[in-house]
PDB file of N, CA and C in Angstrom:
ATOM      1  N   MET A   1       6.284 140.854  48.794  1.00  0.00           N
ATOM      2  CA  MET A   1       5.518 140.639  47.581  1.00  0.00           C
ATOM      3  C   MET A   1       6.369 140.924  46.345  1.00  0.00           C
ATOM      4  N   HIS A   2       7.100 142.032  46.395  1.00  0.00           N
ATOM      5  CA  HIS A   2       7.944 142.407  45.263  1.00  0.00           C
ATOM      6  C   HIS A   2       9.040 141.358  45.045  1.00  0.00           C
ATOM      7  N   LEU A   3       9.595 140.856  46.131  1.00  0.00           N
ATOM      8  CA  LEU A   3      10.642 139.842  46.047  1.00  0.00           C
ATOM      9  C   LEU A   3      10.101 138.561  45.426  1.00  0.00           C
ATOM     10  N   ARG A   4       8.894 138.173  45.817  1.00  0.00           N
ATOM     11  CA  ARG A   4       8.296 136.957  45.263  1.00  0.00           C
ATOM     12  C   ARG A   4       8.094 137.094  43.757  1.00  0.00           C
ATOM     13  N   LYS A   5       7.619 138.263  43.323  1.00  0.00           N
ATOM     14  CA  LYS A   5       7.416 138.504  41.891  1.00  0.00           C
ATOM     15  C   LYS A   5       8.752 138.444  41.144  1.00  0.00           C
ATOM     16  N   TYR A   6       9.794 139.018  41.734  1.00  0.00           N
ATOM     17  CA  TYR A   6      11.124 139.012  41.124  1.00  0.00           C
ATOM     18  C   TYR A   6      11.664 137.589  41.018  1.00  0.00           C
ATOM     19  N   LEU A   7      11.487 136.788  42.082  1.00  0.00           N
ATOM     20  CA  LEU A   7      11.976 135.403  42.062  1.00  0.00           C
ATOM     21  C   LEU A   7      11.202 134.543  41.058  1.00  0.00           C
ATOM     22  N   LEU A   8       9.891 134.753  40.955  1.00  0.00           N
ATOM     23  CA  LEU A   8       9.110 134.005  39.970  1.00  0.00           C
ATOM     24  C   LEU A   8       9.519 134.356  38.549  1.00  0.00           C
ATOM     25  N   LYS A   9       9.806 135.631  38.323  1.00  0.00           N
ATOM     26  CA  LYS A   9      10.267 136.057  36.998  1.00  0.00           C
ATOM     27  C   LYS A   9      11.613 135.406  36.664  1.00  0.00           C
ATOM     28  N   GLY A  10      12.517 135.350  37.656  1.00  0.00           N
ATOM     29  CA  GLY A  10      13.810 134.703  37.459  1.00  0.00           C
ATOM     30  C   GLY A  10      13.667 133.212  37.218  1.00  0.00           C
ATOM     31  N   LEU A  11      12.741 132.564  37.934  1.00  0.00           N
ATOM     32  CA  LEU A  11      12.485 131.143  37.749  1.00  0.00           C
ATOM     33  C   LEU A  11      11.943 130.877  36.354  1.00  0.00           C
ATOM     34  N   HIS A  12      11.073 131.748  35.875  1.00  0.00           N
ATOM     35  CA  HIS A  12      10.530 131.596  34.528  1.00  0.00           C
ATOM     36  C   HIS A  12      11.652 131.693  33.485  1.00  0.00           C
ATOM     37  N   ARG A  13      12.571 132.609  33.707  1.00  0.00           N
ATOM     38  CA  ARG A  13      13.703 132.743  32.772  1.00  0.00           C
ATOM     39  C   ARG A  13      14.574 131.501  32.784  1.00  0.00           C
ATOM     40  N   LEU A  14      14.795 130.926  33.980  1.00  0.00           N
ATOM     41  CA  LEU A  14      15.594 129.701  34.057  1.00  0.00           C
ATOM     42  C   LEU A  14      14.899 128.539  33.353  1.00  0.00           C
ATOM     43  N   GLN A  15      13.575 128.452  33.485  1.00  0.00           N
ATOM     44  CA  GLN A  15      12.839 127.365  32.863  1.00  0.00           C
ATOM     45  C   GLN A  15      12.810 127.508  31.344  1.00  0.00           C
ATOM     46  N   LYS A  16      12.827 128.742  30.879  1.00  0.00           N
ATOM     47  CA  LYS A  16      12.787 128.960  29.438  1.00  0.00           C
ATOM     48  C   LYS A  16      14.051 128.424  28.770  1.00  0.00           C
ATOM     49  N   GLY A  17      15.172 128.459  29.485  1.00  0.00           N
ATOM     50  CA  GLY A  17      16.405 127.883  28.979  1.00  0.00           C
ATOM     51  C   GLY A  17      17.095 128.756  27.956  1.00  0.00           C
ATOM     52  N   PRO A  18      17.936 128.133  27.118  1.00  0.00           N
ATOM     53  CA  PRO A  18      18.751 128.907  26.182  1.00  0.00           C
ATOM     54  C   PRO A  18      17.993 129.359  24.938  1.00  0.00           C
ATOM     55  N   GLY A  19      16.691 129.454  25.002  1.00  0.00           N
ATOM     56  CA  GLY A  19      15.911 129.839  23.832  1.00  0.00           C
ATOM     57  C   GLY A  19      15.852 131.335  23.586  1.00  0.00           C
ATOM     58  N   TYR A  20      16.635 132.120  24.299  1.00  0.00           N
ATOM     59  CA  TYR A  20      16.623 133.563  24.103  1.00  0.00           C
ATOM     60  C   TYR A  20      17.236 133.933  22.766  1.00  0.00           C
ATOM     61  N   THR A  21      16.646 134.892  22.125  1.00  0.00           N
ATOM     62  CA  THR A  21      17.268 135.436  20.922  1.00  0.00           C
ATOM     63  C   THR A  21      18.168 136.584  21.342  1.00  0.00           C
ATOM     64  N   TYR A  22      19.043 136.996  20.431  1.00  0.00           N
ATOM     65  CA  TYR A  22      19.932 138.105  20.739  1.00  0.00           C
ATOM     66  C   TYR A  22      19.142 139.391  20.978  1.00  0.00           C
ATOM     67  N   LYS A  23      18.044 139.561  20.256  1.00  0.00           N
ATOM     68  CA  LYS A  23      17.225 140.749  20.435  1.00  0.00           C
ATOM     69  C   LYS A  23      16.606 140.773  21.825  1.00  0.00           C
ATOM     70  N   GLU A  24      16.113 139.616  22.303  1.00  0.00           N
ATOM     71  CA  GLU A  24      15.544 139.546  23.649  1.00  0.00           C
ATOM     72  C   GLU A  24      16.594 139.861  24.715  1.00  0.00           C
ATOM     73  N   LEU A  25      17.789 139.309  24.525  1.00  0.00           N
ATOM     74  CA  LEU A  25      18.864 139.581  25.478  1.00  0.00           C
ATOM     75  C   LEU A  25      19.264 141.051  25.462  1.00  0.00           C
ATOM     76  N   LEU A  26      19.325 141.652  24.274  1.00  0.00           N
ATOM     77  CA  LEU A  26      19.687 143.060  24.165  1.00  0.00           C
ATOM     78  C   LEU A  26      18.627 143.942  24.825  1.00  0.00           C
ATOM     79  N   VAL A  27      17.370 143.644  24.577  1.00  0.00           N
ATOM     80  CA  VAL A  27      16.290 144.426  25.181  1.00  0.00           C
ATOM     81  C   VAL A  27      16.304 144.257  26.699  1.00  0.00           C
ATOM     82  N   TRP A  28      16.524 143.037  27.182  1.00  0.00           N
ATOM     83  CA  TRP A  28      16.604 142.815  28.623  1.00  0.00           C
ATOM     84  C   TRP A  28      17.754 143.611  29.231  1.00  0.00           C
ATOM     85  N   TYR A  29      18.929 143.569  28.583  1.00  0.00           N
ATOM     86  CA  TYR A  29      20.088 144.316  29.089  1.00  0.00           C
ATOM     87  C   TYR A  29      19.795 145.818  29.103  1.00  0.00           C
ATOM     88  N   CYS A  30      19.232 146.310  28.005  1.00  0.00           N
ATOM     89  CA  CYS A  30      18.956 147.748  27.918  1.00  0.00           C
ATOM     90  C   CYS A  30      17.937 148.194  28.964  1.00  0.00           C
ATOM     91  N   ASN A  31      16.991 147.352  29.289  1.00  0.00           N
ATOM     92  CA  ASN A  31      15.993 147.709  30.297  1.00  0.00           C
ATOM     93  C   ASN A  31      16.535 147.620  31.725  1.00  0.00           C
ATOM     94  N   ASN A  32      17.541 146.782  31.951  1.00  0.00           N
ATOM     95  CA  ASN A  32      18.009 146.532  33.305  1.00  0.00           C
ATOM     96  C   ASN A  32      19.372 147.127  33.631  1.00  0.00           C
ATOM     97  N   THR A  33      19.982 147.850  32.719  1.00  0.00           N
ATOM     98  CA  THR A  33      21.293 148.424  32.993  1.00  0.00           C
ATOM     99  C   THR A  33      21.163 149.763  33.705  1.00  0.00           C
ATOM    100  N   ASN A  34      22.220 150.163  34.386  1.00  0.00           N
ATOM    101  CA  ASN A  34      22.232 151.445  35.070  1.00  0.00           C
ATOM    102  C   ASN A  34      22.749 152.573  34.188  1.00  0.00           C
ATOM    103  N   THR A  35      23.337 152.242  33.050  1.00  0.00           N
ATOM    104  CA  THR A  35      23.850 153.281  32.164  1.00  0.00           C
ATOM    105  C   THR A  35      22.712 153.900  31.367  1.00  0.00           C
ATOM    106  N   HIS A  36      22.926 155.115  30.893  1.00  0.00           N
ATOM    107  CA  HIS A  36      21.850 155.852  30.243  1.00  0.00           C
ATOM    108  C   HIS A  36      21.706 155.534  28.751  1.00  0.00           C
ATOM    109  N   GLY A  37      22.809 155.275  28.064  1.00  0.00           N
ATOM    110  CA  GLY A  37      22.771 155.082  26.621  1.00  0.00           C
ATOM    111  C   GLY A  37      21.926 153.917  26.151  1.00  0.00           C
ATOM    112  N   PRO A  38      22.180 152.689  26.646  1.00  0.00           N
ATOM    113  CA  PRO A  38      21.408 151.543  26.159  1.00  0.00           C
ATOM    114  C   PRO A  38      19.902 151.647  26.396  1.00  0.00           C
ATOM    115  N   LYS A  39      19.495 152.269  27.488  1.00  0.00           N
ATOM    116  CA  LYS A  39      18.067 152.428  27.742  1.00  0.00           C
ATOM    117  C   LYS A  39      17.429 153.284  26.659  1.00  0.00           C
ATOM    118  N   ARG A  40      18.128 154.330  26.242  1.00  0.00           N
ATOM    119  CA  ARG A  40      17.576 155.241  25.250  1.00  0.00           C
ATOM    120  C   ARG A  40      17.641 154.678  23.833  1.00  0.00           C
ATOM    121  N   ILE A  41      18.512 153.709  23.610  1.00  0.00           N
ATOM    122  CA  ILE A  41      18.597 153.107  22.278  1.00  0.00           C
ATOM    123  C   ILE A  41      17.299 152.388  21.942  1.00  0.00           C
ATOM    124  N   ILE A  42      16.679 151.741  22.921  1.00  0.00           N
ATOM    125  CA  ILE A  42      15.459 150.979  22.622  1.00  0.00           C
ATOM    126  C   ILE A  42      14.191 151.791  22.868  1.00  0.00           C
ATOM    127  N   CYS A  43      14.282 152.927  23.572  1.00  0.00           N
ATOM    128  CA  CYS A  43      13.067 153.649  23.955  1.00  0.00           C
ATOM    129  C   CYS A  43      12.788 154.891  23.105  1.00  0.00           C
ATOM    130  N   GLU A  44      13.769 155.433  22.423  1.00  0.00           N
ATOM    131  CA  GLU A  44      13.605 156.699  21.716  1.00  0.00           C
ATOM    132  C   GLU A  44      13.197 156.468  20.260  1.00  0.00           C
ATOM    133  N   GLY A  45      12.992 157.575  19.539  1.00  0.00           N
ATOM    134  CA  GLY A  45      12.652 157.507  18.116  1.00  0.00           C
ATOM    135  C   GLY A  45      13.859 157.099  17.283  1.00  0.00           C
ATOM    136  N   PRO A  46      13.681 156.918  15.964  1.00  0.00           N
ATOM    137  CA  PRO A  46      14.762 156.392  15.126  1.00  0.00           C
ATOM    138  C   PRO A  46      15.998 157.289  15.081  1.00  0.00           C
ATOM    139  N   LYS A  47      15.820 158.612  15.013  1.00  0.00           N
ATOM    140  CA  LYS A  47      16.992 159.502  14.979  1.00  0.00           C
ATOM    141  C   LYS A  47      17.728 159.485  16.312  1.00  0.00           C
ATOM    142  N   LYS A  48      16.966 159.514  17.391  1.00  0.00           N
ATOM    143  CA  LYS A  48      17.589 159.482  18.707  1.00  0.00           C
ATOM    144  C   LYS A  48      18.228 158.123  18.975  1.00  0.00           C
ATOM    145  N   LYS A  49      17.617 157.054  18.460  1.00  0.00           N
ATOM    146  CA  LYS A  49      18.212 155.723  18.605  1.00  0.00           C
ATOM    147  C   LYS A  49      19.591 155.693  17.968  1.00  0.00           C
ATOM    148  N   ALA A  50      19.677 156.235  16.751  1.00  0.00           N
ATOM    149  CA  ALA A  50      20.962 156.240  16.036  1.00  0.00           C
ATOM    150  C   ALA A  50      21.981 157.093  16.780  1.00  0.00           C
ATOM    151  N   MET A  51      21.554 158.262  17.264  1.00  0.00           N
ATOM    152  CA  MET A  51      22.470 159.136  17.988  1.00  0.00           C
ATOM    153  C   MET A  51      22.963 158.464  19.272  1.00  0.00           C
ATOM    154  N   TRP A  52      22.052 157.881  20.053  1.00  0.00           N
ATOM    155  CA  TRP A  52      22.448 157.231  21.300  1.00  0.00           C
ATOM    156  C   TRP A  52      23.308 155.997  21.038  1.00  0.00           C
ATOM    157  N   PHE A  53      23.014 155.284  19.937  1.00  0.00           N
ATOM    158  CA  PHE A  53      23.829 154.122  19.590  1.00  0.00           C
ATOM    159  C   PHE A  53      25.264 154.561  19.287  1.00  0.00           C
ATOM    160  N   LEU A  54      25.423 155.622  18.492  1.00  0.00           N
ATOM    161  CA  LEU A  54      26.761 156.098  18.155  1.00  0.00           C
ATOM    162  C   LEU A  54      27.506 156.635  19.371  1.00  0.00           C
ATOM    163  N   ILE A  55      26.807 157.372  20.221  1.00  0.00           N
ATOM    164  CA  ILE A  55      27.450 157.900  21.425  1.00  0.00           C
ATOM    165  C   ILE A  55      27.878 156.763  22.342  1.00  0.00           C
ATOM    166  N   THR A  56      26.999 155.785  22.537  1.00  0.00           N
ATOM    167  CA  THR A  56      27.336 154.644  23.393  1.00  0.00           C
ATOM    168  C   THR A  56      28.503 153.856  22.809  1.00  0.00           C
ATOM    169  N   LEU A  57      28.488 153.647  21.502  1.00  0.00           N
ATOM    170  CA  LEU A  57      29.571 152.929  20.835  1.00  0.00           C
ATOM    171  C   LEU A  57      30.884 153.699  20.952  1.00  0.00           C
ATOM    172  N   LEU A  58      30.832 155.015  20.778  1.00  0.00           N
ATOM    173  CA  LEU A  58      32.029 155.842  20.888  1.00  0.00           C
ATOM    174  C   LEU A  58      32.653 155.730  22.276  1.00  0.00           C
ATOM    175  N   PHE A  59      31.845 155.892  23.311  1.00  0.00           N
ATOM    176  CA  PHE A  59      32.403 155.868  24.651  1.00  0.00           C
ATOM    177  C   PHE A  59      32.807 154.466  25.090  1.00  0.00           C
ATOM    178  N   ALA A  60      32.127 153.451  24.620  1.00  0.00           N
ATOM    179  CA  ALA A  60      32.553 152.076  24.921  1.00  0.00           C
ATOM    180  C   ALA A  60      33.904 151.792  24.261  1.00  0.00           C
ATOM    181  N   SER A  61      34.085 152.285  23.030  1.00  0.00           N
ATOM    182  CA  SER A  61      35.375 152.082  22.357  1.00  0.00           C
ATOM    183  C   SER A  61      36.479 152.882  23.049  1.00  0.00           C
ATOM    184  N   LEU A  62      36.160 154.069  23.569  1.00  0.00           N
ATOM    185  CA  LEU A  62      37.166 154.838  24.317  1.00  0.00           C
ATOM    186  C   LEU A  62      37.582 154.111  25.588  1.00  0.00           C
ATOM    187  N   VAL A  63      36.638 153.481  26.264  1.00  0.00           N
ATOM    188  CA  VAL A  63      36.966 152.713  27.463  1.00  0.00           C
ATOM    189  C   VAL A  63      37.864 151.527  27.097  1.00  0.00           C
ATOM    190  N   CYS A  64      37.530 150.830  26.021  1.00  0.00           N
ATOM    191  CA  CYS A  64      38.358 149.689  25.587  1.00  0.00           C
ATOM    192  C   CYS A  64      39.757 150.149  25.190  1.00  0.00           C
ATOM    193  N   TRP A  65      39.845 151.293  24.513  1.00  0.00           N
ATOM    194  CA  TRP A  65      41.148 151.838  24.132  1.00  0.00           C
ATOM    195  C   TRP A  65      41.967 152.171  25.381  1.00  0.00           C
ATOM    196  N   GLN A  66      41.331 152.794  26.366  1.00  0.00           N
ATOM    197  CA  GLN A  66      42.040 153.149  27.592  1.00  0.00           C
ATOM    198  C   GLN A  66      42.525 151.901  28.324  1.00  0.00           C
ATOM    199  N   TRP A  67      41.703 150.865  28.369  1.00  0.00           N
ATOM    200  CA  TRP A  67      42.136 149.601  28.984  1.00  0.00           C
ATOM    201  C   TRP A  67      43.335 149.019  28.258  1.00  0.00           C
ATOM    202  N   SER A  68      43.292 149.046  26.918  1.00  0.00           N
ATOM    203  CA  SER A  68      44.413 148.480  26.156  1.00  0.00           C
ATOM    204  C   SER A  68      45.694 149.261  26.413  1.00  0.00           C
ATOM    205  N   GLU A  69      45.612 150.589  26.502  1.00  0.00           N
ATOM    206  CA  GLU A  69      46.801 151.391  26.815  1.00  0.00           C
ATOM    207  C   GLU A  69      47.332 151.053  28.209  1.00  0.00           C
ATOM    208  N   PHE A  70      46.437 150.884  29.142  1.00  0.00           N
ATOM    209  CA  PHE A  70      46.839 150.538  30.501  1.00  0.00           C
ATOM    210  C   PHE A  70      47.528 149.177  30.532  1.00  0.00           C
ATOM    211  N   ILE A  71      46.957 148.209  29.835  1.00  0.00           N
ATOM    212  CA  ILE A  71      47.535 146.859  29.819  1.00  0.00           C
ATOM    213  C   ILE A  71      48.883 146.859  29.103  1.00  0.00           C
ATOM    214  N   LYS A  72      48.983 147.597  27.986  1.00  0.00           N
ATOM    215  CA  LYS A  72      50.273 147.681  27.280  1.00  0.00           C
ATOM    216  C   LYS A  72      51.338 148.316  28.162  1.00  0.00           C
ATOM    217  N   THR A  73      50.982 149.365  28.883  1.00  0.00           N
ATOM    218  CA  THR A  73      51.934 150.015  29.776  1.00  0.00           C
ATOM    219  C   THR A  73      52.370 149.063  30.876  1.00  0.00           C
ATOM    220  N   TYR A  74      51.434 148.315  31.407  1.00  0.00           N
ATOM    221  CA  TYR A  74      51.762 147.364  32.468  1.00  0.00           C
ATOM    222  C   TYR A  74      52.671 146.247  31.955  1.00  0.00           C
ATOM    223  N   LEU A  75      52.408 145.765  30.756  1.00  0.00           N
ATOM    224  CA  LEU A  75      53.170 144.632  30.232  1.00  0.00           C
ATOM    225  C   LEU A  75      54.538 145.015  29.680  1.00  0.00           C
ATOM    226  N   ASN A  76      54.817 146.305  29.531  1.00  0.00           N
ATOM    227  CA  ASN A  76      56.128 146.717  29.026  1.00  0.00           C
ATOM    228  C   ASN A  76      57.247 146.442  30.022  1.00  0.00           C
ATOM    229  N   TRP A  77      56.924 146.376  31.283  1.00  0.00           N
ATOM    230  CA  TRP A  77      57.902 146.106  32.344  1.00  0.00           C
ATOM    231  C   TRP A  77      59.064 147.095  32.312  1.00  0.00           C
ATOM    232  N   GLU A  78      58.806 148.346  32.012  1.00  0.00           N
ATOM    233  CA  GLU A  78      59.868 149.338  31.995  1.00  0.00           C
ATOM    234  C   GLU A  78      60.253 149.671  33.431  1.00  0.00           C
ATOM    235  N   VAL A  79      61.475 149.311  33.769  1.00  0.00           N
ATOM    236  CA  VAL A  79      61.963 149.555  35.114  1.00  0.00           C
ATOM    237  C   VAL A  79      63.300 150.273  35.000  1.00  0.00           C
ATOM    238  N   THR A  80      63.444 151.352  35.707  1.00  0.00           N
ATOM    239  CA  THR A  80      64.697 152.089  35.710  1.00  0.00           C
ATOM    240  C   THR A  80      65.248 152.067  37.123  1.00  0.00           C
ATOM    241  N   VAL A  81      66.467 151.576  37.230  1.00  0.00           N
ATOM    242  CA  VAL A  81      67.124 151.525  38.530  1.00  0.00           C
ATOM    243  C   VAL A  81      68.431 152.269  38.415  1.00  0.00           C
ATOM    244  N   SER A  82      68.632 153.202  39.297  1.00  0.00           N
ATOM    245  CA  SER A  82      69.885 153.950  39.327  1.00  0.00           C
ATOM    246  C   SER A  82      70.457 153.827  40.732  1.00  0.00           C
ATOM    247  N   LEU A  83      71.659 153.307  40.814  1.00  0.00           N
ATOM    248  CA  LEU A  83      72.275 153.077  42.110  1.00  0.00           C
ATOM    249  C   LEU A  83      73.676 153.643  42.082  1.00  0.00           C
ATOM    250  N   SER A  84      73.970 154.463  43.020  1.00  0.00           N
ATOM    251  CA  SER A  84      75.337 154.997  43.113  1.00  0.00           C
ATOM    252  C   SER A  84      75.734 155.019  44.583  1.00  0.00           C
ATOM    253  N   LEU A  85      76.939 154.566  44.836  1.00  0.00           N
ATOM    254  CA  LEU A  85      77.471 154.560  46.186  1.00  0.00           C
ATOM    255  C   LEU A  85      78.625 155.540  46.232  1.00  0.00           C
ATOM    256  N   GLY A  86      78.577 156.431  47.131  1.00  0.00           N
ATOM    257  CA  GLY A  86      79.656 157.393  47.283  1.00  0.00           C
ATOM    258  C   GLY A  86      79.747 157.810  48.732  1.00  0.00           C
ATOM    259  N   PHE A  87      80.949 157.955  49.196  1.00  0.00           N
ATOM    260  CA  PHE A  87      81.163 158.347  50.584  1.00  0.00           C
ATOM    261  C   PHE A  87      82.026 159.588  50.582  1.00  0.00           C
ATOM    262  N   LYS A  88      81.618 160.547  51.354  1.00  0.00           N
ATOM    263  CA  LYS A  88      82.438 161.746  51.501  1.00  0.00           C
ATOM    264  C   LYS A  88      82.487 162.098  52.988  1.00  0.00           C
ATOM    265  N   THR A  89      83.503 162.827  53.337  1.00  0.00           N
ATOM    266  CA  THR A  89      83.640 163.191  54.744  1.00  0.00           C
ATOM    267  C   THR A  89      82.621 164.258  55.086  1.00  0.00           C
ATOM    268  N   MET A  90      82.121 164.164  56.302  1.00  0.00           N
ATOM    269  CA  MET A  90      81.131 165.113  56.764  1.00  0.00           C
ATOM    270  C   MET A  90      81.563 165.644  58.118  1.00  0.00           C
ATOM    271  N   ASP A  91      81.338 166.918  58.323  1.00  0.00           N
ATOM    272  CA  ASP A  91      81.606 167.492  59.634  1.00  0.00           C
ATOM    273  C   ASP A  91      80.512 167.049  60.588  1.00  0.00           C
ATOM    274  N   PHE A  92      80.907 166.618  61.763  1.00  0.00           N
ATOM    275  CA  PHE A  92      79.944 166.146  62.747  1.00  0.00           C
ATOM    276  C   PHE A  92      79.565 167.309  63.641  1.00  0.00           C
ATOM    277  N   PRO A  93      78.403 167.505  64.051  1.00  0.00           N
ATOM    278  CA  PRO A  93      77.168 166.829  63.729  1.00  0.00           C
ATOM    279  C   PRO A  93      76.514 167.441  62.505  1.00  0.00           C
ATOM    280  N   ALA A  94      76.306 166.676  61.503  1.00  0.00           N
ATOM    281  CA  ALA A  94      75.589 167.089  60.299  1.00  0.00           C
ATOM    282  C   ALA A  94      74.130 166.717  60.485  1.00  0.00           C
ATOM    283  N   VAL A  95      73.247 167.563  60.011  1.00  0.00           N
ATOM    284  CA  VAL A  95      71.823 167.304  60.152  1.00  0.00           C
ATOM    285  C   VAL A  95      71.364 166.520  58.932  1.00  0.00           C
ATOM    286  N   THR A  96      71.063 165.271  59.146  1.00  0.00           N
ATOM    287  CA  THR A  96      70.563 164.422  58.062  1.00  0.00           C
ATOM    288  C   THR A  96      69.454 163.549  58.619  1.00  0.00           C
ATOM    289  N   ILE A  97      68.560 163.192  57.750  1.00  0.00           N
ATOM    290  CA  ILE A  97      67.505 162.256  58.141  1.00  0.00           C
ATOM    291  C   ILE A  97      68.067 160.842  58.122  1.00  0.00           C
ATOM    292  N   CYS A  98      68.673 160.504  57.028  1.00  0.00           N
ATOM    293  CA  CYS A  98      69.280 159.182  56.891  1.00  0.00           C
ATOM    294  C   CYS A  98      70.345 159.294  55.817  1.00  0.00           C
ATOM    295  N   ASN A  99      71.568 159.210  56.193  1.00  0.00           N
ATOM    296  CA  ASN A  99      72.619 159.218  55.177  1.00  0.00           C
ATOM    297  C   ASN A  99      73.163 157.810  55.012  1.00  0.00           C
ATOM    298  N   ALA A 100      73.692 157.565  53.852  1.00  0.00           N
ATOM    299  CA  ALA A 100      74.179 156.226  53.562  1.00  0.00           C
ATOM    300  C   ALA A 100      75.650 156.073  53.943  1.00  0.00           C
ATOM    301  N   SER A 101      76.230 157.114  54.516  1.00  0.00           N
ATOM    302  CA  SER A 101      77.637 157.039  54.906  1.00  0.00           C
ATOM    303  C   SER A 101      77.782 156.180  56.155  1.00  0.00           C
ATOM    304  N   PRO A 102      78.776 155.331  56.169  1.00  0.00           N
ATOM    305  CA  PRO A 102      78.985 154.535  57.380  1.00  0.00           C
ATOM    306  C   PRO A 102      79.489 155.425  58.515  1.00  0.00           C
ATOM    307  N   PHE A 103      79.007 155.174  59.688  1.00  0.00           N
ATOM    308  CA  PHE A 103      79.411 155.948  60.865  1.00  0.00           C
ATOM    309  C   PHE A 103      80.718 155.382  61.392  1.00  0.00           C
ATOM    310  N   GLN A 104      81.725 156.264  61.506  1.00  0.00           N
ATOM    311  CA  GLN A 104      83.021 155.812  62.009  1.00  0.00           C
ATOM    312  C   GLN A 104      83.186 156.310  63.444  1.00  0.00           C
ATOM    313  N   TYR A 105      83.102 155.387  64.337  1.00  0.00           N
ATOM    314  CA  TYR A 105      83.157 155.709  65.759  1.00  0.00           C
ATOM    315  C   TYR A 105      84.497 156.349  66.130  1.00  0.00           C
ATOM    316  N   SER A 106      85.578 155.910  65.518  1.00  0.00           N
ATOM    317  CA  SER A 106      86.909 156.421  65.877  1.00  0.00           C
ATOM    318  C   SER A 106      87.040 157.919  65.593  1.00  0.00           C
ATOM    319  N   LYS A 107      86.365 158.416  64.568  1.00  0.00           N
ATOM    320  CA  LYS A 107      86.479 159.835  64.219  1.00  0.00           C
ATOM    321  C   LYS A 107      85.570 160.713  65.061  1.00  0.00           C
ATOM    322  N   THR A 108      84.575 160.145  65.717  1.00  0.00           N
ATOM    323  CA  THR A 108      83.636 160.950  66.501  1.00  0.00           C
ATOM    324  C   THR A 108      83.703 160.674  67.999  1.00  0.00           C
ATOM    325  N   LYS A 109      84.639 159.845  68.401  1.00  0.00           N
ATOM    326  CA  LYS A 109      84.737 159.465  69.809  1.00  0.00           C
ATOM    327  C   LYS A 109      84.974 160.676  70.699  1.00  0.00           C
ATOM    328  N   HIS A 110      85.846 161.580  70.276  1.00  0.00           N
ATOM    329  CA  HIS A 110      86.150 162.754  71.095  1.00  0.00           C
ATOM    330  C   HIS A 110      84.947 163.711  71.178  1.00  0.00           C
ATOM    331  N   LEU A 111      84.122 163.755  70.142  1.00  0.00           N
ATOM    332  CA  LEU A 111      82.942 164.611  70.180  1.00  0.00           C
ATOM    333  C   LEU A 111      81.880 164.040  71.116  1.00  0.00           C
ATOM    334  N   LEU A 112      81.779 162.745  71.162  1.00  0.00           N
ATOM    335  CA  LEU A 112      80.794 162.095  72.023  1.00  0.00           C
ATOM    336  C   LEU A 112      81.165 162.271  73.503  1.00  0.00           C
ATOM    337  N   MET A 113      82.452 162.347  73.784  1.00  0.00           N
ATOM    338  CA  MET A 113      82.873 162.532  75.169  1.00  0.00           C
ATOM    339  C   MET A 113      82.451 163.908  75.672  1.00  0.00           C
ATOM    340  N   ASP A 114      82.437 164.917  74.782  1.00  0.00           N
ATOM    341  CA  ASP A 114      82.021 166.269  75.196  1.00  0.00           C
ATOM    342  C   ASP A 114      80.537 166.296  75.559  1.00  0.00           C
ATOM    343  N   LEU A 115      79.775 165.431  74.939  1.00  0.00           N
ATOM    344  CA  LEU A 115      78.343 165.393  75.243  1.00  0.00           C
ATOM    345  C   LEU A 115      78.123 164.796  76.621  1.00  0.00           C
TER     346      LEU A 115
END
């Protein structure tokens, strides 16, 4: 039953067409949003309306500012690459997870035979 009522209401809105005023759209949004600020803008007294409007505007602008900072940081393409190749002699067996030194079989052949 609830679904049928919801679908009929949606059908009525579709039939009405683009005749919505901005005030109707704003009231519809404020009544159907999950956020707290817009609901209170249309439901509270004049002082509370002004306070909730300013708070909602402040936090919406902070979100937009944060998005712009994020996008600017992303678009800067700041990439730092540091590459250095160096080889030094190491006593075998050295405990390493992964060293970039090439393994020289000729220098460790006698140690491998002892194993």
